[in-house]
Amino acid sequence: MRVLLILPFLALPAAAQEVEPPSVMERGLRLFMDGLMQEMEPAFRDLEDLAEGAKPLLENWGETLSGIDLNRYHAPEVLENGDILIRRKQPGEIEVTPNEDGSIDL
């Protein structure tokens, strides 16, 4: 039964499938973009090599950052000259929250 419902649509003319040829502007833009991609290909390869070389460094960096306790530092301050200063809290300023068993992580 389902085949009979599809058959009338197969007999329709293929007028909707006609495609107009690209205009002069479209062809010019395509040629420009192709040329640009060819010129940029070596730079993309170099960038890919750089990313591959940096991959091990970034993986280790993530492990290092995960061990930093941000509660031991004040919020960053931007100085007038553009430097960013992050002050370490003094021992009395650090908020100590004990674990459920009463122990304290140092």
PDB file of N, CA and C in Angstrom:
ATOM      1  N   MET A   1       0.814  -1.188   0.000  1.00  0.00           N
ATOM      2  CA  MET A   1       0.000   0.000   0.000  1.00  0.00           C
ATOM      3  C   MET A   1       0.864   1.260   0.000  1.00  0.00           C
ATOM      4  N   ARG A   2       1.959   1.248   0.744  1.00  0.00           N
ATOM      5  CA  ARG A   2       2.819   2.421   0.814  1.00  0.00           C
ATOM      6  C   ARG A   2       3.490   2.711  -0.526  1.00  0.00           C
ATOM      7  N   VAL A   3       3.785   1.687  -1.287  1.00  0.00           N
ATOM      8  CA  VAL A   3       4.423   1.875  -2.585  1.00  0.00           C
ATOM      9  C   VAL A   3       3.484   2.604  -3.534  1.00  0.00           C
ATOM     10  N   LEU A   4       2.230   2.330  -3.459  1.00  0.00           N
ATOM     11  CA  LEU A   4       1.260   2.968  -4.332  1.00  0.00           C
ATOM     12  C   LEU A   4       1.138   4.463  -4.037  1.00  0.00           C
ATOM     13  N   LEU A   5       1.372   4.873  -2.788  1.00  0.00           N
ATOM     14  CA  LEU A   5       1.279   6.288  -2.449  1.00  0.00           C
ATOM     15  C   LEU A   5       2.483   7.074  -2.964  1.00  0.00           C
ATOM     16  N   ILE A   6       3.617   6.462  -3.110  1.00  0.00           N
ATOM     17  CA  ILE A   6       4.832   7.127  -3.549  1.00  0.00           C
ATOM     18  C   ILE A   6       4.900   7.233  -5.072  1.00  0.00           C
ATOM     19  N   LEU A   7       4.342   6.291  -5.781  1.00  0.00           N
ATOM     20  CA  LEU A   7       4.446   6.242  -7.232  1.00  0.00           C
ATOM     21  C   LEU A   7       3.961   7.516  -7.935  1.00  0.00           C
ATOM     22  N   PRO A   8       2.875   8.172  -7.539  1.00  0.00           N
ATOM     23  CA  PRO A   8       2.469   9.392  -8.253  1.00  0.00           C
ATOM     24  C   PRO A   8       3.512  10.515  -8.155  1.00  0.00           C
ATOM     25  N   PHE A   9       4.252  10.577  -7.067  1.00  0.00           N
ATOM     26  CA  PHE A   9       5.250  11.628  -6.916  1.00  0.00           C
ATOM     27  C   PHE A   9       6.468  11.387  -7.792  1.00  0.00           C
ATOM     28  N   LEU A  10       6.749  10.151  -8.115  1.00  0.00           N
ATOM     29  CA  LEU A  10       7.891   9.836  -8.971  1.00  0.00           C
ATOM     30  C   LEU A  10       7.643  10.275 -10.409  1.00  0.00           C
ATOM     31  N   ALA A  11       6.399  10.421 -10.811  1.00  0.00           N
ATOM     32  CA  ALA A  11       6.070  10.787 -12.184  1.00  0.00           C
ATOM     33  C   ALA A  11       6.115  12.301 -12.418  1.00  0.00           C
ATOM     34  N   LEU A  12       6.309  13.118 -11.356  1.00  0.00           N
ATOM     35  CA  LEU A  12       6.358  14.570 -11.532  1.00  0.00           C
ATOM     36  C   LEU A  12       7.591  14.973 -12.327  1.00  0.00           C
ATOM     37  N   PRO A  13       7.492  16.038 -13.110  1.00  0.00           N
ATOM     38  CA  PRO A  13       8.661  16.489 -13.867  1.00  0.00           C
ATOM     39  C   PRO A  13       9.745  17.007 -12.934  1.00  0.00           C
ATOM     40  N   ALA A  14      10.954  16.982 -13.392  1.00  0.00           N
ATOM     41  CA  ALA A  14      12.107  17.373 -12.593  1.00  0.00           C
ATOM     42  C   ALA A  14      12.432  18.848 -12.779  1.00  0.00           C
ATOM     43  N   ALA A  15      11.426  19.691 -12.912  1.00  0.00           N
ATOM     44  CA  ALA A  15      11.647  21.118 -13.146  1.00  0.00           C
ATOM     45  C   ALA A  15      12.297  21.790 -11.944  1.00  0.00           C
ATOM     46  N   ALA A  16      12.018  21.303 -10.743  1.00  0.00           N
ATOM     47  CA  ALA A  16      12.581  21.919  -9.540  1.00  0.00           C
ATOM     48  C   ALA A  16      14.071  21.626  -9.402  1.00  0.00           C
ATOM     49  N   GLN A  17      14.597  20.696 -10.158  1.00  0.00           N
ATOM     50  CA  GLN A  17      15.997  20.316 -10.048  1.00  0.00           C
ATOM     51  C   GLN A  17      16.910  21.155 -10.935  1.00  0.00           C
ATOM     52  N   GLU A  18      16.339  22.017 -11.755  1.00  0.00           N
ATOM     53  CA  GLU A  18      17.169  22.845 -12.624  1.00  0.00           C
ATOM     54  C   GLU A  18      17.950  23.839 -11.780  1.00  0.00           C
ATOM     55  N   VAL A  19      19.236  23.958 -12.058  1.00  0.00           N
ATOM     56  CA  VAL A  19      20.102  24.841 -11.295  1.00  0.00           C
ATOM     57  C   VAL A  19      20.671  25.886 -12.235  1.00  0.00           C
ATOM     58  N   GLU A  20      20.617  27.146 -11.809  1.00  0.00           N
ATOM     59  CA  GLU A  20      21.173  28.208 -12.629  1.00  0.00           C
ATOM     60  C   GLU A  20      22.686  28.175 -12.545  1.00  0.00           C
ATOM     61  N   PRO A  21      23.381  28.472 -13.618  1.00  0.00           N
ATOM     62  CA  PRO A  21      24.844  28.516 -13.551  1.00  0.00           C
ATOM     63  C   PRO A  21      25.277  29.693 -12.677  1.00  0.00           C
ATOM     64  N   PRO A  22      26.432  29.584 -12.029  1.00  0.00           N
ATOM     65  CA  PRO A  22      26.883  30.671 -11.161  1.00  0.00           C
ATOM     66  C   PRO A  22      27.152  31.943 -11.968  1.00  0.00           C
ATOM     67  N   SER A  23      26.898  33.070 -11.340  1.00  0.00           N
ATOM     68  CA  SER A  23      27.124  34.347 -11.997  1.00  0.00           C
ATOM     69  C   SER A  23      28.629  34.637 -12.041  1.00  0.00           C
ATOM     70  N   VAL A  24      29.002  35.688 -12.732  1.00  0.00           N
ATOM     71  CA  VAL A  24      30.403  36.083 -12.829  1.00  0.00           C
ATOM     72  C   VAL A  24      30.942  36.434 -11.450  1.00  0.00           C
ATOM     73  N   MET A  25      30.126  37.113 -10.643  1.00  0.00           N
ATOM     74  CA  MET A  25      30.542  37.473  -9.284  1.00  0.00           C
ATOM     75  C   MET A  25      30.777  36.232  -8.431  1.00  0.00           C
ATOM     76  N   GLU A  26      29.877  35.254  -8.545  1.00  0.00           N
ATOM     77  CA  GLU A  26      30.032  34.022  -7.766  1.00  0.00           C
ATOM     78  C   GLU A  26      31.291  33.265  -8.186  1.00  0.00           C
ATOM     79  N   ARG A  27      31.535  33.194  -9.481  1.00  0.00           N
ATOM     80  CA  ARG A  27      32.753  32.509  -9.952  1.00  0.00           C
ATOM     81  C   ARG A  27      33.998  33.251  -9.496  1.00  0.00           C
ATOM     82  N   GLY A  28      33.978  34.589  -9.573  1.00  0.00           N
ATOM     83  CA  GLY A  28      35.124  35.376  -9.126  1.00  0.00           C
ATOM     84  C   GLY A  28      35.395  35.194  -7.642  1.00  0.00           C
ATOM     85  N   LEU A  29      34.329  35.187  -6.850  1.00  0.00           N
ATOM     86  CA  LEU A  29      34.487  34.995  -5.410  1.00  0.00           C
ATOM     87  C   LEU A  29      35.025  33.604  -5.110  1.00  0.00           C
ATOM     88  N   ARG A  30      34.546  32.613  -5.828  1.00  0.00           N
ATOM     89  CA  ARG A  30      35.032  31.242  -5.622  1.00  0.00           C
ATOM     90  C   ARG A  30      36.523  31.152  -5.964  1.00  0.00           C
ATOM     91  N   LEU A  31      36.939  31.762  -7.066  1.00  0.00           N
ATOM     92  CA  LEU A  31      38.353  31.750  -7.436  1.00  0.00           C
ATOM     93  C   LEU A  31      39.203  32.474  -6.398  1.00  0.00           C
ATOM     94  N   PHE A  32      38.695  33.610  -5.899  1.00  0.00           N
ATOM     95  CA  PHE A  32      39.410  34.361  -4.873  1.00  0.00           C
ATOM     96  C   PHE A  32      39.575  33.524  -3.610  1.00  0.00           C
ATOM     97  N   MET A  33      38.487  32.878  -3.152  1.00  0.00           N
ATOM     98  CA  MET A  33      38.543  32.071  -1.935  1.00  0.00           C
ATOM     99  C   MET A  33      39.448  30.860  -2.113  1.00  0.00           C
ATOM    100  N   ASP A  34      39.416  30.229  -3.286  1.00  0.00           N
ATOM    101  CA  ASP A  34      40.318  29.099  -3.548  1.00  0.00           C
ATOM    102  C   ASP A  34      41.770  29.542  -3.482  1.00  0.00           C
ATOM    103  N   GLY A  35      42.087  30.689  -4.076  1.00  0.00           N
ATOM    104  CA  GLY A  35      43.444  31.206  -4.037  1.00  0.00           C
ATOM    105  C   GLY A  35      43.873  31.564  -2.630  1.00  0.00           C
ATOM    106  N   LEU A  36      42.972  32.151  -1.870  1.00  0.00           N
ATOM    107  CA  LEU A  36      43.276  32.506  -0.490  1.00  0.00           C
ATOM    108  C   LEU A  36      43.553  31.259   0.339  1.00  0.00           C
ATOM    109  N   MET A  37      42.767  30.217   0.154  1.00  0.00           N
ATOM    110  CA  MET A  37      42.989  28.964   0.885  1.00  0.00           C
ATOM    111  C   MET A  37      44.336  28.347   0.515  1.00  0.00           C
ATOM    112  N   GLN A  38      44.720  28.408  -0.744  1.00  0.00           N
ATOM    113  CA  GLN A  38      46.019  27.878  -1.156  1.00  0.00           C
ATOM    114  C   GLN A  38      47.150  28.663  -0.522  1.00  0.00           C
ATOM    115  N   GLU A  39      47.001  29.980  -0.428  1.00  0.00           N
ATOM    116  CA  GLU A  39      48.035  30.817   0.188  1.00  0.00           C
ATOM    117  C   GLU A  39      48.132  30.582   1.693  1.00  0.00           C
ATOM    118  N   MET A  40      47.012  30.308   2.342  1.00  0.00           N
ATOM    119  CA  MET A  40      46.988  30.157   3.793  1.00  0.00           C
ATOM    120  C   MET A  40      47.318  28.742   4.259  1.00  0.00           C
ATOM    121  N   GLU A  41      47.333  27.782   3.354  1.00  0.00           N
ATOM    122  CA  GLU A  41      47.548  26.387   3.735  1.00  0.00           C
ATOM    123  C   GLU A  41      48.846  26.174   4.514  1.00  0.00           C
ATOM    124  N   PRO A  42      50.002  26.734   4.113  1.00  0.00           N
ATOM    125  CA  PRO A  42      51.217  26.536   4.911  1.00  0.00           C
ATOM    126  C   PRO A  42      51.094  27.104   6.326  1.00  0.00           C
ATOM    127  N   ALA A  43      50.434  28.242   6.479  1.00  0.00           N
ATOM    128  CA  ALA A  43      50.258  28.821   7.809  1.00  0.00           C
ATOM    129  C   ALA A  43      49.373  27.933   8.670  1.00  0.00           C
ATOM    130  N   PHE A  44      48.350  27.341   8.086  1.00  0.00           N
ATOM    131  CA  PHE A  44      47.486  26.430   8.836  1.00  0.00           C
ATOM    132  C   PHE A  44      48.260  25.185   9.264  1.00  0.00           C
ATOM    133  N   ARG A  45      49.127  24.675   8.382  1.00  0.00           N
ATOM    134  CA  ARG A  45      49.942  23.503   8.749  1.00  0.00           C
ATOM    135  C   ARG A  45      50.878  23.841   9.899  1.00  0.00           C
ATOM    136  N   ASP A  46      51.512  25.041   9.846  1.00  0.00           N
ATOM    137  CA  ASP A  46      52.404  25.447  10.927  1.00  0.00           C
ATOM    138  C   ASP A  46      51.639  25.588  12.244  1.00  0.00           C
ATOM    139  N   LEU A  47      50.446  26.130  12.185  1.00  0.00           N
ATOM    140  CA  LEU A  47      49.635  26.278  13.379  1.00  0.00           C
ATOM    141  C   LEU A  47      49.238  24.921  13.951  1.00  0.00           C
ATOM    142  N   GLU A  48      48.956  23.981  13.086  1.00  0.00           N
ATOM    143  CA  GLU A  48      48.608  22.637  13.532  1.00  0.00           C
ATOM    144  C   GLU A  48      49.807  21.980  14.220  1.00  0.00           C
ATOM    145  N   ASP A  49      51.016  22.153  13.658  1.00  0.00           N
ATOM    146  CA  ASP A  49      52.225  21.606  14.278  1.00  0.00           C
ATOM    147  C   ASP A  49      52.470  22.245  15.638  1.00  0.00           C
ATOM    148  N   LEU A  50      52.257  23.547  15.738  1.00  0.00           N
ATOM    149  CA  LEU A  50      52.430  24.249  17.007  1.00  0.00           C
ATOM    150  C   LEU A  50      51.460  23.724  18.054  1.00  0.00           C
ATOM    151  N   ALA A  51      50.218  23.496  17.655  1.00  0.00           N
ATOM    152  CA  ALA A  51      49.213  22.979  18.589  1.00  0.00           C
ATOM    153  C   ALA A  51      49.580  21.574  19.055  1.00  0.00           C
ATOM    154  N   GLU A  52      50.089  20.749  18.155  1.00  0.00           N
ATOM    155  CA  GLU A  52      50.503  19.396  18.543  1.00  0.00           C
ATOM    156  C   GLU A  52      51.657  19.442  19.532  1.00  0.00           C
ATOM    157  N   GLY A  53      52.598  20.375  19.325  1.00  0.00           N
ATOM    158  CA  GLY A  53      53.728  20.503  20.242  1.00  0.00           C
ATOM    159  C   GLY A  53      53.323  21.022  21.606  1.00  0.00           C
ATOM    160  N   ALA A  54      52.294  21.844  21.661  1.00  0.00           N
ATOM    161  CA  ALA A  54      51.855  22.430  22.926  1.00  0.00           C
ATOM    162  C   ALA A  54      50.922  21.508  23.705  1.00  0.00           C
ATOM    163  N   LYS A  55      50.436  20.470  23.076  1.00  0.00           N
ATOM    164  CA  LYS A  55      49.459  19.594  23.724  1.00  0.00           C
ATOM    165  C   LYS A  55      49.978  19.006  25.039  1.00  0.00           C
ATOM    166  N   PRO A  56      51.188  18.434  25.107  1.00  0.00           N
ATOM    167  CA  PRO A  56      51.656  17.900  26.392  1.00  0.00           C
ATOM    168  C   PRO A  56      51.806  18.981  27.457  1.00  0.00           C
ATOM    169  N   LEU A  57      52.228  20.170  27.071  1.00  0.00           N
ATOM    170  CA  LEU A  57      52.378  21.255  28.043  1.00  0.00           C
ATOM    171  C   LEU A  57      51.034  21.653  28.635  1.00  0.00           C
ATOM    172  N   LEU A  58      50.022  21.732  27.797  1.00  0.00           N
ATOM    173  CA  LEU A  58      48.703  22.120  28.270  1.00  0.00           C
ATOM    174  C   LEU A  58      48.092  21.059  29.173  1.00  0.00           C
ATOM    175  N   GLU A  59      48.349  19.788  28.893  1.00  0.00           N
ATOM    176  CA  GLU A  59      47.830  18.727  29.751  1.00  0.00           C
ATOM    177  C   GLU A  59      48.445  18.820  31.137  1.00  0.00           C
ATOM    178  N   ASN A  60      49.765  19.052  31.222  1.00  0.00           N
ATOM    179  CA  ASN A  60      50.421  19.189  32.525  1.00  0.00           C
ATOM    180  C   ASN A  60      49.972  20.443  33.241  1.00  0.00           C
ATOM    181  N   TRP A  61      49.699  21.501  32.499  1.00  0.00           N
ATOM    182  CA  TRP A  61      49.266  22.766  33.072  1.00  0.00           C
ATOM    183  C   TRP A  61      47.928  22.598  33.788  1.00  0.00           C
ATOM    184  N   GLY A  62      47.037  21.826  33.186  1.00  0.00           N
ATOM    185  CA  GLY A  62      45.739  21.574  33.817  1.00  0.00           C
ATOM    186  C   GLY A  62      45.881  20.841  35.135  1.00  0.00           C
ATOM    187  N   GLU A  63      46.789  19.873  35.194  1.00  0.00           N
ATOM    188  CA  GLU A  63      47.019  19.145  36.441  1.00  0.00           C
ATOM    189  C   GLU A  63      47.591  20.073  37.503  1.00  0.00           C
ATOM    190  N   THR A  64      48.478  20.978  37.108  1.00  0.00           N
ATOM    191  CA  THR A  64      49.073  21.919  38.048  1.00  0.00           C
ATOM    192  C   THR A  64      48.019  22.872  38.602  1.00  0.00           C
ATOM    193  N   LEU A  65      47.159  23.401  37.733  1.00  0.00           N
ATOM    194  CA  LEU A  65      46.138  24.341  38.179  1.00  0.00           C
ATOM    195  C   LEU A  65      45.101  23.696  39.086  1.00  0.00           C
ATOM    196  N   SER A  66      44.864  22.410  38.927  1.00  0.00           N
ATOM    197  CA  SER A  66      43.845  21.757  39.753  1.00  0.00           C
ATOM    198  C   SER A  66      44.283  21.672  41.210  1.00  0.00           C
ATOM    199  N   GLY A  67      45.594  21.786  41.489  1.00  0.00           N
ATOM    200  CA  GLY A  67      46.077  21.718  42.857  1.00  0.00           C
ATOM    201  C   GLY A  67      46.115  23.057  43.567  1.00  0.00           C
ATOM    202  N   ILE A  68      45.703  24.143  42.932  1.00  0.00           N
ATOM    203  CA  ILE A  68      45.748  25.469  43.541  1.00  0.00           C
ATOM    204  C   ILE A  68      44.462  25.728  44.310  1.00  0.00           C
ATOM    205  N   ASP A  69      44.599  26.124  45.585  1.00  0.00           N
ATOM    206  CA  ASP A  69      43.452  26.473  46.411  1.00  0.00           C
ATOM    207  C   ASP A  69      43.222  27.974  46.280  1.00  0.00           C
ATOM    208  N   LEU A  70      42.204  28.379  45.581  1.00  0.00           N
ATOM    209  CA  LEU A  70      41.940  29.788  45.326  1.00  0.00           C
ATOM    210  C   LEU A  70      41.462  30.529  46.562  1.00  0.00           C
ATOM    211  N   ASN A  71      41.044  29.823  47.598  1.00  0.00           N
ATOM    212  CA  ASN A  71      40.613  30.486  48.828  1.00  0.00           C
ATOM    213  C   ASN A  71      41.781  31.106  49.574  1.00  0.00           C
ATOM    214  N   ARG A  72      42.991  30.788  49.217  1.00  0.00           N
ATOM    215  CA  ARG A  72      44.172  31.333  49.894  1.00  0.00           C
ATOM    216  C   ARG A  72      44.591  32.688  49.311  1.00  0.00           C
ATOM    217  N   TYR A  73      43.860  33.195  48.319  1.00  0.00           N
ATOM    218  CA  TYR A  73      44.242  34.445  47.643  1.00  0.00           C
ATOM    219  C   TYR A  73      43.081  35.429  47.635  1.00  0.00           C
ATOM    220  N   HIS A  74      43.406  36.718  47.675  1.00  0.00           N
ATOM    221  CA  HIS A  74      42.407  37.766  47.517  1.00  0.00           C
ATOM    222  C   HIS A  74      42.034  37.865  46.042  1.00  0.00           C
ATOM    223  N   ALA A  75      40.950  38.571  45.758  1.00  0.00           N
ATOM    224  CA  ALA A  75      40.546  38.791  44.371  1.00  0.00           C
ATOM    225  C   ALA A  75      41.614  39.612  43.652  1.00  0.00           C
ATOM    226  N   PRO A  76      41.832  39.382  42.366  1.00  0.00           N
ATOM    227  CA  PRO A  76      42.848  40.136  41.624  1.00  0.00           C
ATOM    228  C   PRO A  76      42.531  41.632  41.589  1.00  0.00           C
ATOM    229  N   GLU A  77      43.599  42.438  41.639  1.00  0.00           N
ATOM    230  CA  GLU A  77      43.466  43.894  41.538  1.00  0.00           C
ATOM    231  C   GLU A  77      44.229  44.349  40.301  1.00  0.00           C
ATOM    232  N   VAL A  78      43.654  45.277  39.552  1.00  0.00           N
ATOM    233  CA  VAL A  78      44.346  45.850  38.401  1.00  0.00           C
ATOM    234  C   VAL A  78      44.908  47.198  38.828  1.00  0.00           C
ATOM    235  N   LEU A  79      46.233  47.338  38.744  1.00  0.00           N
ATOM    236  CA  LEU A  79      46.889  48.575  39.134  1.00  0.00           C
ATOM    237  C   LEU A  79      46.769  49.603  38.018  1.00  0.00           C
ATOM    238  N   GLU A  80      47.129  50.861  38.321  1.00  0.00           N
ATOM    239  CA  GLU A  80      47.009  51.943  37.336  1.00  0.00           C
ATOM    240  C   GLU A  80      47.861  51.702  36.095  1.00  0.00           C
ATOM    241  N   ASN A  81      49.005  51.013  36.264  1.00  0.00           N
ATOM    242  CA  ASN A  81      49.881  50.775  35.121  1.00  0.00           C
ATOM    243  C   ASN A  81      49.472  49.531  34.314  1.00  0.00           C
ATOM    244  N   GLY A  82      48.372  48.895  34.721  1.00  0.00           N
ATOM    245  CA  GLY A  82      47.874  47.743  33.978  1.00  0.00           C
ATOM    246  C   GLY A  82      48.308  46.403  34.554  1.00  0.00           C
ATOM    247  N   ASP A  83      49.209  46.418  35.533  1.00  0.00           N
ATOM    248  CA  ASP A  83      49.624  45.161  36.159  1.00  0.00           C
ATOM    249  C   ASP A  83      48.460  44.558  36.941  1.00  0.00           C
ATOM    250  N   ILE A  84      48.464  43.248  37.037  1.00  0.00           N
ATOM    251  CA  ILE A  84      47.445  42.545  37.810  1.00  0.00           C
ATOM    252  C   ILE A  84      48.121  41.973  39.041  1.00  0.00           C
ATOM    253  N   LEU A  85      47.588  42.304  40.210  1.00  0.00           N
ATOM    254  CA  LEU A  85      48.173  41.897  41.478  1.00  0.00           C
ATOM    255  C   LEU A  85      47.206  40.945  42.170  1.00  0.00           C
ATOM    256  N   ILE A  86      47.727  39.784  42.560  1.00  0.00           N
ATOM    257  CA  ILE A  86      46.934  38.809  43.306  1.00  0.00           C
ATOM    258  C   ILE A  86      47.632  38.607  44.641  1.00  0.00           C
ATOM    259  N   ARG A  87      47.031  39.137  45.695  1.00  0.00           N
ATOM    260  CA  ARG A  87      47.641  39.069  47.025  1.00  0.00           C
ATOM    261  C   ARG A  87      47.272  37.766  47.711  1.00  0.00           C
ATOM    262  N   ARG A  88      48.252  37.190  48.401  1.00  0.00           N
ATOM    263  CA  ARG A  88      48.029  35.997  49.195  1.00  0.00           C
ATOM    264  C   ARG A  88      47.430  36.421  50.538  1.00  0.00           C
ATOM    265  N   LYS A  89      46.422  35.693  51.013  1.00  0.00           N
ATOM    266  CA  LYS A  89      45.802  36.005  52.293  1.00  0.00           C
ATOM    267  C   LYS A  89      46.752  35.638  53.431  1.00  0.00           C
ATOM    268  N   GLN A  90      46.682  36.396  54.496  1.00  0.00           N
ATOM    269  CA  GLN A  90      47.454  36.109  55.700  1.00  0.00           C
ATOM    270  C   GLN A  90      46.791  34.938  56.431  1.00  0.00           C
ATOM    271  N   PRO A  91      47.543  34.218  57.289  1.00  0.00           N
ATOM    272  CA  PRO A  91      46.963  33.046  57.965  1.00  0.00           C
ATOM    273  C   PRO A  91      45.648  33.317  58.693  1.00  0.00           C
ATOM    274  N   GLY A  92      45.450  34.492  59.269  1.00  0.00           N
ATOM    275  CA  GLY A  92      44.201  34.790  59.964  1.00  0.00           C
ATOM    276  C   GLY A  92      43.040  35.072  59.025  1.00  0.00           C
ATOM    277  N   GLU A  93      43.324  35.380  57.766  1.00  0.00           N
ATOM    278  CA  GLU A  93      42.277  35.725  56.806  1.00  0.00           C
ATOM    279  C   GLU A  93      41.711  34.515  56.067  1.00  0.00           C
ATOM    280  N   ILE A  94      42.412  33.402  56.129  1.00  0.00           N
ATOM    281  CA  ILE A  94      41.984  32.216  55.392  1.00  0.00           C
ATOM    282  C   ILE A  94      40.804  31.565  56.111  1.00  0.00           C
ATOM    283  N   GLU A  95      39.735  31.350  55.372  1.00  0.00           N
ATOM    284  CA  GLU A  95      38.563  30.701  55.936  1.00  0.00           C
ATOM    285  C   GLU A  95      38.787  29.196  55.898  1.00  0.00           C
ATOM    286  N   VAL A  96      38.759  28.592  57.077  1.00  0.00           N
ATOM    287  CA  VAL A  96      38.987  27.150  57.170  1.00  0.00           C
ATOM    288  C   VAL A  96      37.646  26.468  57.358  1.00  0.00           C
ATOM    289  N   THR A  97      37.320  25.568  56.456  1.00  0.00           N
ATOM    290  CA  THR A  97      36.081  24.808  56.576  1.00  0.00           C
ATOM    291  C   THR A  97      36.438  23.349  56.831  1.00  0.00           C
ATOM    292  N   PRO A  98      36.086  22.845  57.976  1.00  0.00           N
ATOM    293  CA  PRO A  98      36.414  21.447  58.283  1.00  0.00           C
ATOM    294  C   PRO A  98      35.594  20.484  57.424  1.00  0.00           C
ATOM    295  N   ASN A  99      36.160  19.314  57.202  1.00  0.00           N
ATOM    296  CA  ASN A  99      35.472  18.253  56.470  1.00  0.00           C
ATOM    297  C   ASN A  99      34.351  17.669  57.341  1.00  0.00           C
ATOM    298  N   GLU A 100      33.565  16.771  56.775  1.00  0.00           N
ATOM    299  CA  GLU A 100      32.457  16.169  57.503  1.00  0.00           C
ATOM    300  C   GLU A 100      32.919  15.412  58.743  1.00  0.00           C
ATOM    301  N   ASP A 101      34.114  14.831  58.660  1.00  0.00           N
ATOM    302  CA  ASP A 101      34.629  14.062  59.814  1.00  0.00           C
ATOM    303  C   ASP A 101      35.363  14.943  60.818  1.00  0.00           C
ATOM    304  N   GLY A 102      35.404  16.252  60.591  1.00  0.00           N
ATOM    305  CA  GLY A 102      36.043  17.179  61.514  1.00  0.00           C
ATOM    306  C   GLY A 102      37.484  17.471  61.185  1.00  0.00           C
ATOM    307  N   SER A 103      38.067  16.789  60.213  1.00  0.00           N
ATOM    308  CA  SER A 103      39.458  17.031  59.837  1.00  0.00           C
ATOM    309  C   SER A 103      39.558  18.267  58.960  1.00  0.00           C
ATOM    310  N   ILE A 104      40.765  18.824  58.893  1.00  0.00           N
ATOM    311  CA  ILE A 104      41.013  20.021  58.097  1.00  0.00           C
ATOM    312  C   ILE A 104      42.087  19.709  57.068  1.00  0.00           C
ATOM    313  N   ASP A 105      41.824  20.020  55.794  1.00  0.00           N
ATOM    314  CA  ASP A 105      42.813  19.834  54.737  1.00  0.00           C
ATOM    315  C   ASP A 105      43.762  21.013  54.729  1.00  0.00           C
ATOM    316  N   LEU A 106      45.050  20.704  54.709  1.00  0.00           N
ATOM    317  CA  LEU A 106      46.063  21.776  54.685  1.00  0.00           C
ATOM    318  C   LEU A 106      46.522  22.047  53.292  1.00  0.00           C
TER     319      LEU A 106
END
